[in-house]
Amino acid sequence: MKADRRERLEARARILKALGHASRLMILEELAGGEKCVAELTRAVGADMSTVSKHLALLKAVGLVEDRRQGSQVFYRLLAPCVMGFFDCVESVMASQVQRQIRLVK
């Protein structure tokens, strides 16, 4: 495999790995509604601020979110809103799996 193709695939894998946690998905859903400060995201996720900050750092590292500081607060926004379309695709796969299971029990 060519080096540039491998690098591109590894970059994709890093992004998909970042999406592989329910709390990070919740953060992205929250940010789809607009910019939020860390405290708001912490309340939404229901985890401690340290944990949420680690999730945000990972999402930022792969380019899904960006932050800005305003005084002592840090605000995050969704940098790649196209990811929400990917979630629609995931929901479609989930629905088709349910339909398959229903057909099996009939």
C-alpha atoms as a PDB file:
ATOM      1  CA  MET A   1       0.000   0.000   0.000  1.00  0.00           C
ATOM      2  CA  LYS A   2       1.319   3.437  -0.860  1.00  0.00           C
ATOM      3  CA  ALA A   3       2.461   5.579   2.066  1.00  0.00           C
ATOM      4  CA  ASP A   4       0.043   8.448   1.326  1.00  0.00           C
ATOM      5  CA  ARG A   5      -2.913   6.076   1.169  1.00  0.00           C
ATOM      6  CA  ARG A   6      -1.901   4.438   4.448  1.00  0.00           C
ATOM      7  CA  GLU A   7      -1.542   7.867   6.109  1.00  0.00           C
ATOM      8  CA  ARG A   8      -5.015   8.883   4.901  1.00  0.00           C
ATOM      9  CA  LEU A   9      -6.546   5.629   6.169  1.00  0.00           C
ATOM     10  CA  GLU A  10      -4.784   5.978   9.523  1.00  0.00           C
ATOM     11  CA  ALA A  11      -6.093   9.552   9.826  1.00  0.00           C
ATOM     12  CA  ARG A  12      -9.608   8.270   9.153  1.00  0.00           C
ATOM     13  CA  ALA A  13      -9.132   5.587  11.799  1.00  0.00           C
ATOM     14  CA  ARG A  14      -8.064   8.192  14.372  1.00  0.00           C
ATOM     15  CA  ILE A  15     -11.238  10.192  13.703  1.00  0.00           C
ATOM     16  CA  LEU A  16     -13.435   7.104  13.885  1.00  0.00           C
ATOM     17  CA  LYS A  17     -11.706   6.049  17.101  1.00  0.00           C
ATOM     18  CA  ALA A  18     -12.466   9.488  18.563  1.00  0.00           C
ATOM     19  CA  LEU A  19     -16.131   8.859  17.736  1.00  0.00           C
ATOM     20  CA  GLY A  20     -16.038   5.546  19.592  1.00  0.00           C
ATOM     21  CA  HIS A  21     -17.242   6.765  22.981  1.00  0.00           C
ATOM     22  CA  ALA A  22     -20.795   7.640  24.001  1.00  0.00           C
ATOM     23  CA  SER A  23     -19.704  10.715  25.967  1.00  0.00           C
ATOM     24  CA  ARG A  24     -17.863  12.124  22.961  1.00  0.00           C
ATOM     25  CA  LEU A  25     -20.908  11.505  20.783  1.00  0.00           C
ATOM     26  CA  MET A  26     -23.030  13.357  23.327  1.00  0.00           C
ATOM     27  CA  ILE A  27     -20.579  16.265  23.281  1.00  0.00           C
ATOM     28  CA  LEU A  28     -20.786  16.452  19.491  1.00  0.00           C
ATOM     29  CA  GLU A  29     -24.591  16.365  19.595  1.00  0.00           C
ATOM     30  CA  GLU A  30     -24.574  19.180  22.157  1.00  0.00           C
ATOM     31  CA  LEU A  31     -22.195  21.249  20.027  1.00  0.00           C
ATOM     32  CA  ALA A  32     -24.355  20.704  16.950  1.00  0.00           C
ATOM     33  CA  GLY A  33     -26.805  23.039  18.683  1.00  0.00           C
ATOM     34  CA  GLY A  34     -24.177  25.757  19.034  1.00  0.00           C
ATOM     35  CA  GLU A  35     -21.134  26.769  20.994  1.00  0.00           C
ATOM     36  CA  LYS A  36     -20.991  25.616  24.629  1.00  0.00           C
ATOM     37  CA  CYS A  37     -18.625  26.199  27.531  1.00  0.00           C
ATOM     38  CA  VAL A  38     -16.954  23.296  29.306  1.00  0.00           C
ATOM     39  CA  ALA A  39     -19.272  23.644  32.308  1.00  0.00           C
ATOM     40  CA  GLU A  40     -22.359  23.262  30.079  1.00  0.00           C
ATOM     41  CA  LEU A  41     -20.859  20.201  28.413  1.00  0.00           C
ATOM     42  CA  THR A  42     -19.921  18.736  31.793  1.00  0.00           C
ATOM     43  CA  ARG A  43     -23.545  19.026  32.952  1.00  0.00           C
ATOM     44  CA  ALA A  44     -24.840  17.522  29.703  1.00  0.00           C
ATOM     45  CA  VAL A  45     -22.473  14.545  29.814  1.00  0.00           C
ATOM     46  CA  GLY A  46     -22.858  13.981  33.534  1.00  0.00           C
ATOM     47  CA  ALA A  47     -19.157  13.422  34.119  1.00  0.00           C
ATOM     48  CA  ASP A  48     -16.529  15.409  35.989  1.00  0.00           C
ATOM     49  CA  MET A  49     -14.848  18.362  34.309  1.00  0.00           C
ATOM     50  CA  SER A  50     -11.497  16.571  34.029  1.00  0.00           C
ATOM     51  CA  THR A  51     -13.044  13.681  32.104  1.00  0.00           C
ATOM     52  CA  VAL A  52     -14.991  15.973  29.783  1.00  0.00           C
ATOM     53  CA  SER A  53     -11.861  18.055  29.174  1.00  0.00           C
ATOM     54  CA  LYS A  54      -9.993  14.911  28.125  1.00  0.00           C
ATOM     55  CA  HIS A  55     -12.784  13.991  25.712  1.00  0.00           C
ATOM     56  CA  LEU A  56     -12.727  17.524  24.300  1.00  0.00           C
ATOM     57  CA  ALA A  57      -8.955  17.415  23.877  1.00  0.00           C
ATOM     58  CA  LEU A  58      -9.247  14.216  21.870  1.00  0.00           C
ATOM     59  CA  LEU A  59     -12.031  15.638  19.686  1.00  0.00           C
ATOM     60  CA  LYS A  60      -9.943  18.758  19.139  1.00  0.00           C
ATOM     61  CA  ALA A  61      -6.831  16.740  18.263  1.00  0.00           C
ATOM     62  CA  VAL A  62      -8.621  15.005  15.389  1.00  0.00           C
ATOM     63  CA  GLY A  63     -10.183  18.227  14.099  1.00  0.00           C
ATOM     64  CA  LEU A  64     -13.818  17.743  15.067  1.00  0.00           C
ATOM     65  CA  VAL A  65     -14.054  20.681  17.482  1.00  0.00           C
ATOM     66  CA  GLU A  66     -12.204  23.890  18.221  1.00  0.00           C
ATOM     67  CA  ASP A  67     -12.040  26.042  21.307  1.00  0.00           C
ATOM     68  CA  ARG A  68     -11.742  29.677  22.265  1.00  0.00           C
ATOM     69  CA  ARG A  69     -10.982  31.218  25.597  1.00  0.00           C
ATOM     70  CA  GLN A  70     -13.083  34.037  27.011  1.00  0.00           C
ATOM     71  CA  GLY A  71     -11.745  35.129  30.361  1.00  0.00           C
ATOM     72  CA  SER A  72     -11.542  32.060  32.544  1.00  0.00           C
ATOM     73  CA  GLN A  73     -14.019  30.064  30.447  1.00  0.00           C
ATOM     74  CA  VAL A  74     -13.280  27.874  27.449  1.00  0.00           C
ATOM     75  CA  PHE A  75     -15.937  27.545  24.767  1.00  0.00           C
ATOM     76  CA  TYR A  76     -16.117  24.788  22.180  1.00  0.00           C
ATOM     77  CA  ARG A  77     -17.807  24.625  18.830  1.00  0.00           C
ATOM     78  CA  LEU A  78     -18.270  21.925  16.253  1.00  0.00           C
ATOM     79  CA  LEU A  79     -15.635  22.391  13.564  1.00  0.00           C
ATOM     80  CA  ALA A  80     -16.926  19.597  11.338  1.00  0.00           C
ATOM     81  CA  PRO A  81     -20.736  19.720  11.288  1.00  0.00           C
ATOM     82  CA  CYS A  82     -20.685  17.173   8.450  1.00  0.00           C
ATOM     83  CA  VAL A  83     -20.131  14.520  11.143  1.00  0.00           C
ATOM     84  CA  MET A  84     -23.816  14.834  12.009  1.00  0.00           C
ATOM     85  CA  GLY A  85     -24.616  13.405   8.549  1.00  0.00           C
ATOM     86  CA  PHE A  86     -22.448  10.432   9.426  1.00  0.00           C
ATOM     87  CA  PHE A  87     -24.574   9.937  12.533  1.00  0.00           C
ATOM     88  CA  ASP A  88     -27.657   9.844  10.282  1.00  0.00           C
ATOM     89  CA  CYS A  89     -25.959   7.048   8.356  1.00  0.00           C
ATOM     90  CA  VAL A  90     -25.248   5.178  11.599  1.00  0.00           C
ATOM     91  CA  GLU A  91     -28.906   5.516  12.636  1.00  0.00           C
ATOM     92  CA  SER A  92     -29.920   4.098   9.252  1.00  0.00           C
ATOM     93  CA  VAL A  93     -27.688   1.063   9.796  1.00  0.00           C
ATOM     94  CA  MET A  94     -29.179   0.612  13.269  1.00  0.00           C
ATOM     95  CA  ALA A  95     -32.720   0.736  11.849  1.00  0.00           C
ATOM     96  CA  SER A  96     -31.901  -1.826   9.174  1.00  0.00           C
ATOM     97  CA  GLN A  97     -30.476  -4.140  11.846  1.00  0.00           C
ATOM     98  CA  VAL A  98     -33.714  -3.867  13.809  1.00  0.00           C
ATOM     99  CA  GLN A  99     -35.721  -4.687  10.697  1.00  0.00           C
ATOM    100  CA  ARG A 100     -33.531  -7.734  10.059  1.00  0.00           C
ATOM    101  CA  GLN A 101     -34.083  -8.945  13.625  1.00  0.00           C
ATOM    102  CA  ILE A 102     -37.834  -8.454  13.301  1.00  0.00           C
ATOM    103  CA  ARG A 103     -37.870 -10.533  10.109  1.00  0.00           C
ATOM    104  CA  LEU A 104     -35.984 -13.311  11.895  1.00  0.00           C
ATOM    105  CA  VAL A 105     -38.556 -13.647  14.671  1.00  0.00           C
ATOM    106  CA  LYS A 106     -41.571 -13.712  12.350  1.00  0.00           C
END
